[in-house]
Amino acid sequence: MNLANKITITRIFLVPVFLFFLLVKVPYGNLIATVIFSLAALTDSLDGYIARSRNQVTKFGKFLDPLADKLIVTAALVALVELRKVPSWLVVIILAREFAITGLRAVAASEGNVIAASNWGKAKTVTQIVAIIACLIELKYNLYIMYLATIITIISGVDYILKNKKSINSKE
């Protein structure tokens, strides 16, 4: 197993650790959870960079990396709802987009097509991470940042759908 995949797997194993520190009352738990989430978010870029720079991109990594991203973001958003820091309707919108685009990618992949990340998709990821961190550290305008992340999430989803109509309209 290459280094990039090990980093991705580590990110997955950080999910329950992150949740523990966020949801269990322990000294400095929120701060530790924020650091863990931030590190996990940073390693998302790192594993891809390492895989590409070392020419070690694998099918396993292509599958695992987006899964790891969705696990940490979903865990954080659901926990923030539980902690009453984010309205559930925002999280439902964000997660609905994630499921829809994951489904779209699966359909495209079954036809031999790969849907690459778009600029809107990258902006969505960055704004979601910033919004989650803002909520974790209880930044003054954190909810507005989460609204922005939700809007960019919607735009990103619409962008993917419009750019990939062929996969949506294809017949069996």
Protein backbone atom coordinates (compact mmCIF):
# COMPACT_ATOMS: atom_id res chain seq x y z
CA MET A 1 0.00 0.00 0.00
CA ASN A 2 1.41 3.37 -0.98
CA LEU A 3 1.81 6.46 1.21
CA ALA A 4 -1.14 8.34 -0.31
CA ASN A 5 -3.53 5.48 0.46
CA LYS A 6 -2.15 5.19 3.99
CA ILE A 7 -2.88 8.90 4.52
CA THR A 8 -6.41 8.43 3.20
CA ILE A 9 -7.03 5.46 5.50
CA THR A 10 -5.68 7.46 8.43
CA ARG A 11 -8.22 10.18 7.58
CA ILE A 12 -11.00 7.60 7.82
CA PHE A 13 -9.73 6.38 11.19
CA LEU A 14 -9.69 9.99 12.41
CA VAL A 15 -13.48 10.25 12.00
CA PRO A 16 -14.43 8.43 15.25
CA VAL A 17 -11.57 10.13 17.11
CA PHE A 18 -12.85 13.51 15.91
CA LEU A 19 -16.39 12.63 17.00
CA PHE A 20 -15.22 11.44 20.39
CA PHE A 21 -13.50 14.72 21.19
CA LEU A 22 -16.35 16.78 19.77
CA LEU A 23 -19.23 14.99 21.47
CA VAL A 24 -17.81 13.67 24.74
CA LYS A 25 -17.20 16.17 27.50
CA VAL A 26 -13.43 16.08 27.93
CA PRO A 27 -11.06 18.94 28.70
CA TYR A 28 -10.22 20.84 25.51
CA GLY A 29 -12.33 18.37 23.53
CA ASN A 30 -13.69 20.98 21.14
CA LEU A 31 -10.21 22.34 20.45
CA ILE A 32 -8.78 18.84 19.90
CA ALA A 33 -11.72 17.98 17.61
CA THR A 34 -11.11 21.16 15.61
CA VAL A 35 -7.42 20.33 15.21
CA ILE A 36 -8.25 16.76 14.14
CA PHE A 37 -10.82 17.97 11.61
CA SER A 38 -8.40 20.59 10.26
CA LEU A 39 -5.61 18.01 9.89
CA ALA A 40 -7.97 15.62 8.14
CA ALA A 41 -9.02 18.41 5.76
CA LEU A 42 -5.39 19.27 5.01
CA THR A 43 -4.47 15.66 4.32
CA ASP A 44 -7.20 15.54 1.66
CA SER A 45 -5.01 17.68 -0.59
CA LEU A 46 -1.82 16.02 0.57
CA ASP A 47 -2.73 12.46 -0.35
CA GLY A 48 -3.78 13.44 -3.86
CA TYR A 49 -0.63 15.47 -4.36
CA ILE A 50 1.58 12.60 -3.17
CA ALA A 51 -0.20 10.07 -5.37
CA ARG A 52 0.11 12.25 -8.49
CA SER A 53 3.69 13.42 -7.85
CA ARG A 54 4.92 9.86 -7.28
CA ASN A 55 2.82 8.44 -10.10
CA GLN A 56 1.06 6.21 -7.55
CA VAL A 57 -2.58 6.91 -8.37
CA THR A 58 -4.56 3.71 -7.75
CA LYS A 59 -8.15 2.59 -8.30
CA PHE A 60 -8.33 1.92 -4.57
CA GLY A 61 -7.22 5.50 -3.86
CA LYS A 62 -9.69 6.93 -6.38
CA PHE A 63 -12.46 5.10 -4.53
CA LEU A 64 -11.24 5.70 -0.99
CA ASP A 65 -10.31 9.39 -1.19
CA PRO A 66 -13.81 10.76 -1.92
CA LEU A 67 -15.25 8.32 0.62
CA ALA A 68 -12.89 9.65 3.31
CA ASP A 69 -13.83 13.23 2.40
CA LYS A 70 -17.53 12.51 2.66
CA LEU A 71 -17.15 10.60 5.94
CA ILE A 72 -15.34 13.40 7.79
CA VAL A 73 -17.60 16.16 6.43
CA THR A 74 -20.79 14.16 7.06
CA ALA A 75 -19.67 13.26 10.57
CA ALA A 76 -18.88 16.89 11.33
CA LEU A 77 -22.16 18.21 9.93
CA VAL A 78 -24.32 15.63 11.71
CA ALA A 79 -22.46 16.28 14.98
CA LEU A 80 -22.96 20.02 14.54
CA VAL A 81 -26.70 19.41 14.17
CA GLU A 82 -26.67 17.30 17.33
CA LEU A 83 -24.85 20.11 19.13
CA ARG A 84 -27.44 22.57 17.79
CA LYS A 85 -24.76 24.65 16.06
CA VAL A 86 -26.16 24.15 12.53
CA PRO A 87 -29.77 23.83 11.37
CA SER A 88 -30.64 20.36 10.13
CA TRP A 89 -32.16 21.66 6.89
CA LEU A 90 -28.77 23.01 5.80
CA VAL A 91 -27.15 19.65 6.44
CA VAL A 92 -29.91 17.83 4.55
CA ILE A 93 -29.31 20.06 1.50
CA ILE A 94 -25.56 19.49 1.64
CA LEU A 95 -25.89 15.73 2.08
CA ALA A 96 -28.56 15.46 -0.63
CA ARG A 97 -26.15 17.08 -3.08
CA GLU A 98 -23.39 14.67 -2.01
CA PHE A 99 -25.61 11.62 -2.54
CA ALA A 100 -26.90 12.93 -5.88
CA ILE A 101 -23.46 13.65 -7.31
CA THR A 102 -22.04 10.39 -5.96
CA GLY A 103 -24.88 8.61 -7.77
CA LEU A 104 -24.21 10.60 -10.94
CA ARG A 105 -20.53 9.65 -10.76
CA ALA A 106 -21.45 5.99 -10.30
CA VAL A 107 -23.69 6.05 -13.37
CA ALA A 108 -21.00 7.79 -15.41
CA ALA A 109 -18.38 5.29 -14.20
CA SER A 110 -20.61 2.39 -15.24
CA GLU A 111 -20.47 3.87 -18.76
CA GLY A 112 -16.70 4.21 -18.60
CA ASN A 113 -16.78 7.96 -17.95
CA VAL A 114 -14.97 9.72 -15.14
CA ILE A 115 -16.45 12.94 -13.79
CA ALA A 116 -13.51 15.01 -12.62
CA ALA A 117 -13.78 17.56 -9.85
CA SER A 118 -14.85 20.94 -11.18
CA ASN A 119 -13.85 24.35 -9.89
CA TRP A 120 -17.28 24.62 -8.27
CA GLY A 121 -16.73 21.24 -6.64
CA LYS A 122 -13.40 22.39 -5.26
CA ALA A 123 -14.97 25.65 -4.04
CA LYS A 124 -17.72 23.60 -2.38
CA THR A 125 -15.17 21.50 -0.53
CA VAL A 126 -13.18 24.51 0.67
CA THR A 127 -16.24 26.49 1.82
CA GLN A 128 -17.68 23.46 3.62
CA ILE A 129 -14.40 22.91 5.46
CA VAL A 130 -14.12 26.60 6.37
CA ALA A 131 -17.76 26.66 7.50
CA ILE A 132 -17.33 23.56 9.65
CA ILE A 133 -14.19 24.95 11.27
CA ALA A 134 -15.97 28.28 11.83
CA CYS A 135 -18.79 26.42 13.60
CA LEU A 136 -16.37 24.30 15.61
CA ILE A 137 -14.53 27.36 16.91
CA GLU A 138 -17.81 29.29 17.20
CA LEU A 139 -16.69 32.14 15.00
CA LYS A 140 -19.02 35.12 15.27
CA TYR A 141 -20.57 34.79 11.78
CA ASN A 142 -20.23 31.02 11.45
CA LEU A 143 -23.82 30.46 10.38
CA TYR A 144 -23.45 32.92 7.50
CA ILE A 145 -20.37 31.04 6.35
CA MET A 146 -22.41 27.83 6.49
CA TYR A 147 -25.15 29.50 4.41
CA LEU A 148 -22.50 30.45 1.85
CA ALA A 149 -21.17 26.88 1.84
CA THR A 150 -24.71 25.60 1.27
CA ILE A 151 -25.27 27.98 -1.64
CA ILE A 152 -21.97 26.97 -3.25
CA THR A 153 -22.87 23.32 -2.62
CA ILE A 154 -26.13 23.81 -4.54
CA ILE A 155 -24.39 25.65 -7.38
CA SER A 156 -21.77 22.89 -7.55
CA GLY A 157 -24.45 20.20 -7.76
CA VAL A 158 -26.33 22.01 -10.52
CA ASP A 159 -23.04 22.54 -12.38
CA TYR A 160 -22.20 18.81 -12.25
CA ILE A 161 -25.68 17.87 -13.45
CA LEU A 162 -25.69 20.35 -16.33
CA LYS A 163 -22.20 19.34 -17.47
CA ASN A 164 -23.06 15.64 -17.34
CA LYS A 165 -26.49 15.48 -18.95
CA LYS A 166 -25.35 12.62 -21.19
CA SER A 167 -24.93 10.32 -18.19
CA ILE A 168 -28.31 11.34 -16.82
CA ASN A 169 -30.15 10.92 -20.14
CA SER A 170 -28.41 7.74 -21.30
CA LYS A 171 -30.55 4.67 -21.95
CA GLU A 172 -29.73 1.21 -20.68
